[in-house]
mmCIF file of all heavy atoms, coordinates in Angstrom:
data_MODEL
# 
_entry.id   MODEL 
# 
loop_
_atom_site.group_PDB 
_atom_site.id 
_atom_site.type_symbol 
_atom_site.label_atom_id 
_atom_site.label_alt_id 
_atom_site.label_comp_id 
_atom_site.label_asym_id 
_atom_site.label_entity_id 
_atom_site.label_seq_id 
_atom_site.pdbx_PDB_ins_code 
_atom_site.Cartn_x 
_atom_site.Cartn_y 
_atom_site.Cartn_z 
_atom_site.occupancy 
_atom_site.B_iso_or_equiv 
_atom_site.pdbx_formal_charge 
_atom_site.auth_seq_id 
_atom_site.auth_comp_id 
_atom_site.auth_asym_id 
_atom_site.auth_atom_id 
_atom_site.pdbx_PDB_model_num 
ATOM 1   N N   . GLU A 1 1  ? -17.081 27.638 -7.561  1.00 0.00 ? 1  GLU A N   1 
ATOM 2   C CA  . GLU A 1 1  ? -16.773 26.649 -6.529  1.00 0.00 ? 1  GLU A CA  1 
ATOM 3   C C   . GLU A 1 1  ? -15.329 26.740 -6.061  1.00 0.00 ? 1  GLU A C   1 
ATOM 4   O O   . GLU A 1 1  ? -14.465 27.278 -6.750  1.00 0.00 ? 1  GLU A O   1 
ATOM 5   C CB  . GLU A 1 1  ? -17.063 25.235 -7.036  1.00 0.00 ? 1  GLU A CB  1 
ATOM 6   C CG  . GLU A 1 1  ? -16.301 24.866 -8.286  1.00 0.00 ? 1  GLU A CG  1 
ATOM 7   C CD  . GLU A 1 1  ? -16.697 23.511 -8.836  1.00 0.00 ? 1  GLU A CD  1 
ATOM 8   O OE1 . GLU A 1 1  ? -17.117 22.650 -8.042  1.00 0.00 ? 1  GLU A OE1 1 
ATOM 9   O OE2 . GLU A 1 1  ? -16.575 23.300 -10.057 1.00 0.00 ? 1  GLU A OE2 1 
ATOM 10  N N   . VAL A 1 2  ? -15.111 26.189 -4.866  1.00 0.00 ? 2  VAL A N   1 
ATOM 11  C CA  . VAL A 1 2  ? -13.781 26.085 -4.275  1.00 0.00 ? 2  VAL A CA  1 
ATOM 12  C C   . VAL A 1 2  ? -13.367 24.622 -4.335  1.00 0.00 ? 2  VAL A C   1 
ATOM 13  O O   . VAL A 1 2  ? -14.169 23.727 -4.044  1.00 0.00 ? 2  VAL A O   1 
ATOM 14  C CB  . VAL A 1 2  ? -13.785 26.581 -2.815  1.00 0.00 ? 2  VAL A CB  1 
ATOM 15  C CG1 . VAL A 1 2  ? -12.421 26.383 -2.173  1.00 0.00 ? 2  VAL A CG1 1 
ATOM 16  C CG2 . VAL A 1 2  ? -14.184 28.051 -2.763  1.00 0.00 ? 2  VAL A CG2 1 
ATOM 17  N N   . LYS A 1 3  ? -12.107 24.364 -4.709  1.00 0.00 ? 3  LYS A N   1 
ATOM 18  C CA  . LYS A 1 3  ? -11.638 22.998 -4.922  1.00 0.00 ? 3  LYS A CA  1 
ATOM 19  C C   . LYS A 1 3  ? -10.379 22.728 -4.085  1.00 0.00 ? 3  LYS A C   1 
ATOM 20  O O   . LYS A 1 3  ? -9.254  22.913 -4.565  1.00 0.00 ? 3  LYS A O   1 
ATOM 21  C CB  . LYS A 1 3  ? -11.342 22.772 -6.405  1.00 0.00 ? 3  LYS A CB  1 
ATOM 22  C CG  . LYS A 1 3  ? -12.552 22.968 -7.315  1.00 0.00 ? 3  LYS A CG  1 
ATOM 23  C CD  . LYS A 1 3  ? -12.191 22.726 -8.773  1.00 0.00 ? 3  LYS A CD  1 
ATOM 24  C CE  . LYS A 1 3  ? -13.398 22.877 -9.674  1.00 0.00 ? 3  LYS A CE  1 
ATOM 25  N NZ  . LYS A 1 3  ? -13.045 22.621 -11.103 1.00 0.00 ? 3  LYS A NZ  1 
ATOM 26  N N   . PRO A 1 4  ? -10.553 22.276 -2.847  1.00 0.00 ? 4  PRO A N   1 
ATOM 27  C CA  . PRO A 1 4  ? -9.381  21.912 -2.038  1.00 0.00 ? 4  PRO A CA  1 
ATOM 28  C C   . PRO A 1 4  ? -8.658  20.719 -2.666  1.00 0.00 ? 4  PRO A C   1 
ATOM 29  O O   . PRO A 1 4  ? -9.284  19.831 -3.256  1.00 0.00 ? 4  PRO A O   1 
ATOM 30  C CB  . PRO A 1 4  ? -9.985  21.536 -0.688  1.00 0.00 ? 4  PRO A CB  1 
ATOM 31  C CG  . PRO A 1 4  ? -11.368 22.125 -0.688  1.00 0.00 ? 4  PRO A CG  1 
ATOM 32  C CD  . PRO A 1 4  ? -11.810 22.112 -2.105  1.00 0.00 ? 4  PRO A CD  1 
ATOM 33  N N   . THR A 1 5  ? -7.356  20.685 -2.545  1.00 0.00 ? 5  THR A N   1 
ATOM 34  C CA  . THR A 1 5  ? -6.558  19.587 -3.094  1.00 0.00 ? 5  THR A CA  1 
ATOM 35  C C   . THR A 1 5  ? -6.356  18.489 -2.053  1.00 0.00 ? 5  THR A C   1 
ATOM 36  O O   . THR A 1 5  ? -6.629  18.680 -0.860  1.00 0.00 ? 5  THR A O   1 
ATOM 37  C CB  . THR A 1 5  ? -5.185  20.105 -3.533  1.00 0.00 ? 5  THR A CB  1 
ATOM 38  O OG1 . THR A 1 5  ? -4.506  20.632 -2.368  1.00 0.00 ? 5  THR A OG1 1 
ATOM 39  C CG2 . THR A 1 5  ? -5.316  21.193 -4.592  1.00 0.00 ? 5  THR A CG2 1 
ATOM 40  N N   . ALA A 1 6  ? -5.833  17.353 -2.490  1.00 0.00 ? 6  ALA A N   1 
ATOM 41  C CA  . ALA A 1 6  ? -5.464  16.293 -1.551  1.00 0.00 ? 6  ALA A CA  1 
ATOM 42  C C   . ALA A 1 6  ? -4.431  16.803 -0.557  1.00 0.00 ? 6  ALA A C   1 
ATOM 43  O O   . ALA A 1 6  ? -4.464  16.461 0.627   1.00 0.00 ? 6  ALA A O   1 
ATOM 44  C CB  . ALA A 1 6  ? -4.911  15.084 -2.315  1.00 0.00 ? 6  ALA A CB  1 
ATOM 45  N N   . ASN A 1 7  ? -3.532  17.665 -1.027  1.00 0.00 ? 7  ASN A N   1 
ATOM 46  C CA  . ASN A 1 7  ? -2.501  18.245 -0.161  1.00 0.00 ? 7  ASN A CA  1 
ATOM 47  C C   . ASN A 1 7  ? -3.134  19.122 0.916   1.00 0.00 ? 7  ASN A C   1 
ATOM 48  O O   . ASN A 1 7  ? -2.655  19.167 2.059   1.00 0.00 ? 7  ASN A O   1 
ATOM 49  C CB  . ASN A 1 7  ? -1.528  19.084 -0.977  1.00 0.00 ? 7  ASN A CB  1 
ATOM 50  C CG  . ASN A 1 7  ? -1.156  18.451 -2.299  1.00 0.00 ? 7  ASN A CG  1 
ATOM 51  O OD1 . ASN A 1 7  ? -2.008  18.333 -3.187  1.00 0.00 ? 7  ASN A OD1 1 
ATOM 52  N ND2 . ASN A 1 7  ? 0.094   18.047 -2.455  1.00 0.00 ? 7  ASN A ND2 1 
ATOM 53  N N   . TYR A 1 8  ? -4.212  19.823 0.562   1.00 0.00 ? 8  TYR A N   1 
ATOM 54  C CA  . TYR A 1 8  ? -4.906  20.676 1.521   1.00 0.00 ? 8  TYR A CA  1 
ATOM 55  C C   . TYR A 1 8  ? -5.385  19.878 2.727   1.00 0.00 ? 8  TYR A C   1 
ATOM 56  O O   . TYR A 1 8  ? -5.242  20.319 3.877   1.00 0.00 ? 8  TYR A O   1 
ATOM 57  C CB  . TYR A 1 8  ? -6.093  21.375 0.851   1.00 0.00 ? 8  TYR A CB  1 
ATOM 58  C CG  . TYR A 1 8  ? -7.105  21.913 1.839   1.00 0.00 ? 8  TYR A CG  1 
ATOM 59  C CD1 . TYR A 1 8  ? -6.875  23.114 2.509   1.00 0.00 ? 8  TYR A CD1 1 
ATOM 60  C CD2 . TYR A 1 8  ? -8.264  21.196 2.130   1.00 0.00 ? 8  TYR A CD2 1 
ATOM 61  C CE1 . TYR A 1 8  ? -7.793  23.595 3.433   1.00 0.00 ? 8  TYR A CE1 1 
ATOM 62  C CE2 . TYR A 1 8  ? -9.174  21.664 3.051   1.00 0.00 ? 8  TYR A CE2 1 
ATOM 63  C CZ  . TYR A 1 8  ? -8.944  22.865 3.702   1.00 0.00 ? 8  TYR A CZ  1 
ATOM 64  O OH  . TYR A 1 8  ? -9.839  23.326 4.629   1.00 0.00 ? 8  TYR A OH  1 
ATOM 65  N N   . TYR A 1 9  ? -5.964  18.692 2.483   1.00 0.00 ? 9  TYR A N   1 
ATOM 66  C CA  . TYR A 1 9  ? -6.511  17.922 3.598   1.00 0.00 ? 9  TYR A CA  1 
ATOM 67  C C   . TYR A 1 9  ? -5.407  17.449 4.541   1.00 0.00 ? 9  TYR A C   1 
ATOM 68  O O   . TYR A 1 9  ? -5.640  17.320 5.751   1.00 0.00 ? 9  TYR A O   1 
ATOM 69  C CB  . TYR A 1 9  ? -7.341  16.762 3.065   1.00 0.00 ? 9  TYR A CB  1 
ATOM 70  C CG  . TYR A 1 9  ? -8.644  17.227 2.462   1.00 0.00 ? 9  TYR A CG  1 
ATOM 71  C CD1 . TYR A 1 9  ? -8.814  17.308 1.089   1.00 0.00 ? 9  TYR A CD1 1 
ATOM 72  C CD2 . TYR A 1 9  ? -9.691  17.639 3.280   1.00 0.00 ? 9  TYR A CD2 1 
ATOM 73  C CE1 . TYR A 1 9  ? -9.996  17.769 0.538   1.00 0.00 ? 9  TYR A CE1 1 
ATOM 74  C CE2 . TYR A 1 9  ? -10.882 18.103 2.735   1.00 0.00 ? 9  TYR A CE2 1 
ATOM 75  C CZ  . TYR A 1 9  ? -11.026 18.172 1.370   1.00 0.00 ? 9  TYR A CZ  1 
ATOM 76  O OH  . TYR A 1 9  ? -12.200 18.644 0.834   1.00 0.00 ? 9  TYR A OH  1 
ATOM 77  N N   . VAL A 1 10 ? -4.209  17.218 4.017   1.00 0.00 ? 10 VAL A N   1 
ATOM 78  C CA  . VAL A 1 10 ? -3.069  16.896 4.885   1.00 0.00 ? 10 VAL A CA  1 
ATOM 79  C C   . VAL A 1 10 ? -2.676  18.110 5.708   1.00 0.00 ? 10 VAL A C   1 
ATOM 80  O O   . VAL A 1 10 ? -2.495  18.022 6.935   1.00 0.00 ? 10 VAL A O   1 
ATOM 81  C CB  . VAL A 1 10 ? -1.877  16.402 4.038   1.00 0.00 ? 10 VAL A CB  1 
ATOM 82  C CG1 . VAL A 1 10 ? -0.589  16.424 4.860   1.00 0.00 ? 10 VAL A CG1 1 
ATOM 83  C CG2 . VAL A 1 10 ? -2.143  14.999 3.528   1.00 0.00 ? 10 VAL A CG2 1 
ATOM 84  N N   . GLN A 1 11 ? -2.551  19.256 5.060   1.00 0.00 ? 11 GLN A N   1 
ATOM 85  C CA  . GLN A 1 11 ? -2.179  20.465 5.784   1.00 0.00 ? 11 GLN A CA  1 
ATOM 86  C C   . GLN A 1 11 ? -3.219  20.813 6.848   1.00 0.00 ? 11 GLN A C   1 
ATOM 87  O O   . GLN A 1 11 ? -2.880  21.240 7.952   1.00 0.00 ? 11 GLN A O   1 
ATOM 88  C CB  . GLN A 1 11 ? -2.008  21.640 4.808   1.00 0.00 ? 11 GLN A CB  1 
ATOM 89  C CG  . GLN A 1 11 ? -0.854  21.486 3.840   1.00 0.00 ? 11 GLN A CG  1 
ATOM 90  C CD  . GLN A 1 11 ? 0.494   21.527 4.511   1.00 0.00 ? 11 GLN A CD  1 
ATOM 91  O OE1 . GLN A 1 11 ? 0.739   22.335 5.407   1.00 0.00 ? 11 GLN A OE1 1 
ATOM 92  N NE2 . GLN A 1 11 ? 1.402   20.664 4.080   1.00 0.00 ? 11 GLN A NE2 1 
ATOM 93  N N   . ARG A 1 12 ? -4.485  20.618 6.518   1.00 0.00 ? 12 ARG A N   1 
ATOM 94  C CA  . ARG A 1 12 ? -5.549  20.882 7.490   1.00 0.00 ? 12 ARG A CA  1 
ATOM 95  C C   . ARG A 1 12 ? -5.450  19.930 8.674   1.00 0.00 ? 12 ARG A C   1 
ATOM 96  O O   . ARG A 1 12 ? -5.595  20.348 9.838   1.00 0.00 ? 12 ARG A O   1 
ATOM 97  C CB  . ARG A 1 12 ? -6.925  20.768 6.833   1.00 0.00 ? 12 ARG A CB  1 
ATOM 98  C CG  . ARG A 1 12 ? -8.062  21.169 7.769   1.00 0.00 ? 12 ARG A CG  1 
ATOM 99  C CD  . ARG A 1 12 ? -9.412  21.076 7.107   1.00 0.00 ? 12 ARG A CD  1 
ATOM 100 N NE  . ARG A 1 12 ? -9.831  19.686 6.919   1.00 0.00 ? 12 ARG A NE  1 
ATOM 101 C CZ  . ARG A 1 12 ? -11.054 19.336 6.516   1.00 0.00 ? 12 ARG A CZ  1 
ATOM 102 N NH1 . ARG A 1 12 ? -11.967 20.266 6.240   1.00 0.00 ? 12 ARG A NH1 1 
ATOM 103 N NH2 . ARG A 1 12 ? -11.376 18.054 6.365   1.00 0.00 ? 12 ARG A NH2 1 
ATOM 104 N N   . ALA A 1 13 ? -5.198  18.650 8.396   1.00 0.00 ? 13 ALA A N   1 
ATOM 105 C CA  . ALA A 1 13 ? -5.101  17.663 9.470   1.00 0.00 ? 13 ALA A CA  1 
ATOM 106 C C   . ALA A 1 13 ? -3.976  18.026 10.440  1.00 0.00 ? 13 ALA A C   1 
ATOM 107 O O   . ALA A 1 13 ? -4.131  17.926 11.659  1.00 0.00 ? 13 ALA A O   1 
ATOM 108 C CB  . ALA A 1 13 ? -4.878  16.268 8.890   1.00 0.00 ? 13 ALA A CB  1 
ATOM 109 N N   . PHE A 1 14 ? -2.830  18.450 9.909   1.00 0.00 ? 14 PHE A N   1 
ATOM 110 C CA  . PHE A 1 14 ? -1.716  18.821 10.772  1.00 0.00 ? 14 PHE A CA  1 
ATOM 111 C C   . PHE A 1 14 ? -1.959  20.182 11.433  1.00 0.00 ? 14 PHE A C   1 
ATOM 112 O O   . PHE A 1 14 ? -1.621  20.377 12.604  1.00 0.00 ? 14 PHE A O   1 
ATOM 113 C CB  . PHE A 1 14 ? -0.411  18.842 9.971   1.00 0.00 ? 14 PHE A CB  1 
ATOM 114 C CG  . PHE A 1 14 ? 0.212   17.488 9.822   1.00 0.00 ? 14 PHE A CG  1 
ATOM 115 C CD1 . PHE A 1 14 ? -0.284  16.562 8.915   1.00 0.00 ? 14 PHE A CD1 1 
ATOM 116 C CD2 . PHE A 1 14 ? 1.299   17.117 10.606  1.00 0.00 ? 14 PHE A CD2 1 
ATOM 117 C CE1 . PHE A 1 14 ? 0.284   15.307 8.774   1.00 0.00 ? 14 PHE A CE1 1 
ATOM 118 C CE2 . PHE A 1 14 ? 1.876   15.861 10.488  1.00 0.00 ? 14 PHE A CE2 1 
ATOM 119 C CZ  . PHE A 1 14 ? 1.367   14.951 9.566   1.00 0.00 ? 14 PHE A CZ  1 
ATOM 120 N N   . GLY A 1 15 ? -2.543  21.119 10.696  1.00 0.00 ? 15 GLY A N   1 
ATOM 121 C CA  . GLY A 1 15 ? -2.780  22.448 11.259  1.00 0.00 ? 15 GLY A CA  1 
ATOM 122 C C   . GLY A 1 15 ? -3.801  22.450 12.376  1.00 0.00 ? 15 GLY A C   1 
ATOM 123 O O   . GLY A 1 15 ? -3.667  23.185 13.363  1.00 0.00 ? 15 GLY A O   1 
ATOM 124 N N   . GLN A 1 16 ? -4.820  21.612 12.257  1.00 0.00 ? 16 GLN A N   1 
ATOM 125 C CA  . GLN A 1 16 ? -5.861  21.547 13.277  1.00 0.00 ? 16 GLN A CA  1 
ATOM 126 C C   . GLN A 1 16 ? -5.511  20.604 14.418  1.00 0.00 ? 16 GLN A C   1 
ATOM 127 O O   . GLN A 1 16 ? -6.240  20.542 15.407  1.00 0.00 ? 16 GLN A O   1 
ATOM 128 C CB  . GLN A 1 16 ? -7.190  21.125 12.647  1.00 0.00 ? 16 GLN A CB  1 
ATOM 129 C CG  . GLN A 1 16 ? -7.766  22.153 11.693  1.00 0.00 ? 16 GLN A CG  1 
ATOM 130 C CD  . GLN A 1 16 ? -9.092  21.735 11.091  1.00 0.00 ? 16 GLN A CD  1 
ATOM 131 O OE1 . GLN A 1 16 ? -9.499  20.579 11.197  1.00 0.00 ? 16 GLN A OE1 1 
ATOM 132 N NE2 . GLN A 1 16 ? -9.760  22.669 10.449  1.00 0.00 ? 16 GLN A NE2 1 
ATOM 133 N N   . ASN A 1 17 ? -4.415  19.888 14.274  1.00 0.00 ? 17 ASN A N   1 
ATOM 134 C CA  . ASN A 1 17 ? -4.018  18.918 15.290  1.00 0.00 ? 17 ASN A CA  1 
ATOM 135 C C   . ASN A 1 17 ? -2.540  19.067 15.646  1.00 0.00 ? 17 ASN A C   1 
ATOM 136 O O   . ASN A 1 17 ? -1.812  18.088 15.771  1.00 0.00 ? 17 ASN A O   1 
ATOM 137 C CB  . ASN A 1 17 ? -4.301  17.500 14.786  1.00 0.00 ? 17 ASN A CB  1 
ATOM 138 C CG  . ASN A 1 17 ? -5.773  17.227 14.604  1.00 0.00 ? 17 ASN A CG  1 
ATOM 139 O OD1 . ASN A 1 17 ? -6.502  17.005 15.570  1.00 0.00 ? 17 ASN A OD1 1 
ATOM 140 N ND2 . ASN A 1 17 ? -6.230  17.247 13.362  1.00 0.00 ? 17 ASN A ND2 1 
ATOM 141 N N   . ASN A 1 18 ? -2.113  20.312 15.785  1.00 0.00 ? 18 ASN A N   1 
ATOM 142 C CA  . ASN A 1 18 ? -0.723  20.532 16.184  1.00 0.00 ? 18 ASN A CA  1 
ATOM 143 C C   . ASN A 1 18 ? -0.634  20.619 17.707  1.00 0.00 ? 18 ASN A C   1 
ATOM 144 O O   . ASN A 1 18 ? -1.639  20.632 18.406  1.00 0.00 ? 18 ASN A O   1 
ATOM 145 C CB  . ASN A 1 18 ? -0.150  21.791 15.518  1.00 0.00 ? 18 ASN A CB  1 
ATOM 146 C CG  . ASN A 1 18 ? -0.937  23.043 15.861  1.00 0.00 ? 18 ASN A CG  1 
ATOM 147 O OD1 . ASN A 1 18 ? -1.864  23.003 16.651  1.00 0.00 ? 18 ASN A OD1 1 
ATOM 148 N ND2 . ASN A 1 18 ? -0.582  24.156 15.257  1.00 0.00 ? 18 ASN A ND2 1 
ATOM 149 N N   . GLY A 1 19 ? 0.563   20.664 18.196  1.00 0.00 ? 19 GLY A N   1 
ATOM 150 C CA  . GLY A 1 19 ? 0.780   20.757 19.640  1.00 0.00 ? 19 GLY A CA  1 
ATOM 151 C C   . GLY A 1 19 ? 2.002   21.593 19.923  1.00 0.00 ? 19 GLY A C   1 
ATOM 152 O O   . GLY A 1 19 ? 2.639   22.121 19.007  1.00 0.00 ? 19 GLY A O   1 
ATOM 153 N N   . ASP A 1 20 ? 2.360   21.719 21.183  1.00 0.00 ? 20 ASP A N   1 
ATOM 154 C CA  . ASP A 1 20 ? 3.550   22.492 21.554  1.00 0.00 ? 20 ASP A CA  1 
ATOM 155 C C   . ASP A 1 20 ? 4.523   21.677 22.402  1.00 0.00 ? 20 ASP A C   1 
ATOM 156 O O   . ASP A 1 20 ? 5.481   22.204 22.940  1.00 0.00 ? 20 ASP A O   1 
ATOM 157 C CB  . ASP A 1 20 ? 3.169   23.783 22.273  1.00 0.00 ? 20 ASP A CB  1 
ATOM 158 C CG  . ASP A 1 20 ? 2.150   23.566 23.377  1.00 0.00 ? 20 ASP A CG  1 
ATOM 159 O OD1 . ASP A 1 20 ? 2.021   22.412 23.854  1.00 0.00 ? 20 ASP A OD1 1 
ATOM 160 O OD2 . ASP A 1 20 ? 1.482   24.536 23.748  1.00 0.00 ? 20 ASP A OD2 1 
ATOM 161 N N   . GLU A 1 21 ? 4.275   20.365 22.497  1.00 0.00 ? 21 GLU A N   1 
ATOM 162 C CA  . GLU A 1 21 ? 5.194   19.476 23.194  1.00 0.00 ? 21 GLU A CA  1 
ATOM 163 C C   . GLU A 1 21 ? 5.264   18.158 22.440  1.00 0.00 ? 21 GLU A C   1 
ATOM 164 O O   . GLU A 1 21 ? 4.235   17.544 22.144  1.00 0.00 ? 21 GLU A O   1 
ATOM 165 C CB  . GLU A 1 21 ? 4.729   19.218 24.633  1.00 0.00 ? 21 GLU A CB  1 
ATOM 166 C CG  . GLU A 1 21 ? 5.613   18.267 25.405  1.00 0.00 ? 21 GLU A CG  1 
ATOM 167 C CD  . GLU A 1 21 ? 5.069   17.921 26.777  1.00 0.00 ? 21 GLU A CD  1 
ATOM 168 O OE1 . GLU A 1 21 ? 4.098   18.576 27.218  1.00 0.00 ? 21 GLU A OE1 1 
ATOM 169 O OE2 . GLU A 1 21 ? 5.593   16.983 27.411  1.00 0.00 ? 21 GLU A OE2 1 
ATOM 170 N N   . TYR A 1 22 ? 6.480   17.734 22.103  1.00 0.00 ? 22 TYR A N   1 
ATOM 171 C CA  . TYR A 1 22 ? 6.652   16.463 21.409  1.00 0.00 ? 22 TYR A CA  1 
ATOM 172 C C   . TYR A 1 22 ? 6.831   15.351 22.437  1.00 0.00 ? 22 TYR A C   1 
ATOM 173 O O   . TYR A 1 22 ? 7.583   15.500 23.392  1.00 0.00 ? 22 TYR A O   1 
ATOM 174 C CB  . TYR A 1 22 ? 7.862   16.504 20.471  1.00 0.00 ? 22 TYR A CB  1 
ATOM 175 C CG  . TYR A 1 22 ? 7.960   15.290 19.574  1.00 0.00 ? 22 TYR A CG  1 
ATOM 176 C CD1 . TYR A 1 22 ? 7.230   15.224 18.400  1.00 0.00 ? 22 TYR A CD1 1 
ATOM 177 C CD2 . TYR A 1 22 ? 8.768   14.211 19.917  1.00 0.00 ? 22 TYR A CD2 1 
ATOM 178 C CE1 . TYR A 1 22 ? 7.292   14.103 17.573  1.00 0.00 ? 22 TYR A CE1 1 
ATOM 179 C CE2 . TYR A 1 22 ? 8.844   13.090 19.106  1.00 0.00 ? 22 TYR A CE2 1 
ATOM 180 C CZ  . TYR A 1 22 ? 8.099   13.040 17.928  1.00 0.00 ? 22 TYR A CZ  1 
ATOM 181 O OH  . TYR A 1 22 ? 8.164   11.933 17.126  1.00 0.00 ? 22 TYR A OH  1 
ATOM 182 N N   . ILE A 1 23 ? 6.136   14.234 22.235  1.00 0.00 ? 23 ILE A N   1 
ATOM 183 C CA  . ILE A 1 23 ? 6.179   13.114 23.174  1.00 0.00 ? 23 ILE A CA  1 
ATOM 184 C C   . ILE A 1 23 ? 6.764   11.897 22.466  1.00 0.00 ? 23 ILE A C   1 
ATOM 185 O O   . ILE A 1 23 ? 6.286   11.502 21.391  1.00 0.00 ? 23 ILE A O   1 
ATOM 186 C CB  . ILE A 1 23 ? 4.763   12.777 23.692  1.00 0.00 ? 23 ILE A CB  1 
ATOM 187 C CG1 . ILE A 1 23 ? 4.153   13.995 24.401  1.00 0.00 ? 23 ILE A CG1 1 
ATOM 188 C CG2 . ILE A 1 23 ? 4.805   11.566 24.621  1.00 0.00 ? 23 ILE A CG2 1 
ATOM 189 C CD1 . ILE A 1 23 ? 2.694   13.796 24.781  1.00 0.00 ? 23 ILE A CD1 1 
ATOM 190 N N   . TYR A 1 24 ? 7.779   11.303 23.055  1.00 0.00 ? 24 TYR A N   1 
ATOM 191 C CA  . TYR A 1 24 ? 8.309   10.069 22.481  1.00 0.00 ? 24 TYR A CA  1 
ATOM 192 C C   . TYR A 1 24 ? 7.317   8.936  22.713  1.00 0.00 ? 24 TYR A C   1 
ATOM 193 O O   . TYR A 1 24 ? 6.787   8.773  23.813  1.00 0.00 ? 24 TYR A O   1 
ATOM 194 C CB  . TYR A 1 24 ? 9.654   9.690  23.107  1.00 0.00 ? 24 TYR A CB  1 
ATOM 195 C CG  . TYR A 1 24 ? 10.131  8.345  22.628  1.00 0.00 ? 24 TYR A CG  1 
ATOM 196 C CD1 . TYR A 1 24 ? 10.737  8.212  21.383  1.00 0.00 ? 24 TYR A CD1 1 
ATOM 197 C CD2 . TYR A 1 24 ? 9.911   7.194  23.383  1.00 0.00 ? 24 TYR A CD2 1 
ATOM 198 C CE1 . TYR A 1 24 ? 11.141  6.971  20.907  1.00 0.00 ? 24 TYR A CE1 1 
ATOM 199 C CE2 . TYR A 1 24 ? 10.318  5.944  22.917  1.00 0.00 ? 24 TYR A CE2 1 
ATOM 200 C CZ  . TYR A 1 24 ? 10.928  5.843  21.679  1.00 0.00 ? 24 TYR A CZ  1 
ATOM 201 O OH  . TYR A 1 24 ? 11.321  4.618  21.217  1.00 0.00 ? 24 TYR A OH  1 
ATOM 202 N N   . ALA A 1 25 ? 7.066   8.162  21.672  1.00 0.00 ? 25 ALA A N   1 
ATOM 203 C CA  . ALA A 1 25 ? 6.177   7.004  21.787  1.00 0.00 ? 25 ALA A CA  1 
ATOM 204 C C   . ALA A 1 25 ? 6.708   5.898  20.893  1.00 0.00 ? 25 ALA A C   1 
ATOM 205 O O   . ALA A 1 25 ? 7.106   6.150  19.751  1.00 0.00 ? 25 ALA A O   1 
ATOM 206 C CB  . ALA A 1 25 ? 4.751   7.368  21.380  1.00 0.00 ? 25 ALA A CB  1 
ATOM 207 N N   . ASP A 1 26 ? 6.716   4.695  21.388  1.00 0.00 ? 26 ASP A N   1 
ATOM 208 C CA  . ASP A 1 26 ? 7.196   3.555  20.628  1.00 0.00 ? 26 ASP A CA  1 
ATOM 209 C C   . ASP A 1 26 ? 6.076   3.041  19.733  1.00 0.00 ? 26 ASP A C   1 
ATOM 210 O O   . ASP A 1 26 ? 4.967   2.776  20.196  1.00 0.00 ? 26 ASP A O   1 
ATOM 211 C CB  . ASP A 1 26 ? 7.662   2.449  21.576  1.00 0.00 ? 26 ASP A CB  1 
ATOM 212 C CG  . ASP A 1 26 ? 8.306   1.302  20.829  1.00 0.00 ? 26 ASP A CG  1 
ATOM 213 O OD1 . ASP A 1 26 ? 8.816   1.547  19.718  1.00 0.00 ? 26 ASP A OD1 1 
ATOM 214 O OD2 . ASP A 1 26 ? 8.292   0.168  21.337  1.00 0.00 ? 26 ASP A OD2 1 
# 
């Protein structure tokens, strides 16, 4: 079996939801 860590799910969330423009938001 493969055992992703809690850290993996964070890295996946950021890796799959990155962008190329930062937007200021309050």
